[in-house]
């Protein structure tokens, strides 16, 4: 089954997609290439720059099972269970 849309998840533990970080640069490049980029940010991290860049983002605390489970549900609902790229930017 061919899929037209590709999906990338950029996640990590420290300063994931913080403004000016490598995670943000990766998510922006995926978006520029027409790939639906999904990023995770720490729950209290600034994320306006991701919204402005057209990047889907979700808060994530990798030490909280509920946070991880909630992210999984959201990712599956967006991607229909398919990820083409996974970057663990820890």
Foldseek 3Di string as FASTA:
>chain_A
DDDDAAEEEFAAAPCGCAVPDPNVVVQLVCVVVRHQYEYEDAPPGDCVVCVVSVHHYYYADPVDPVRVVVVVVVVCVVVVPDHPYYHHPD
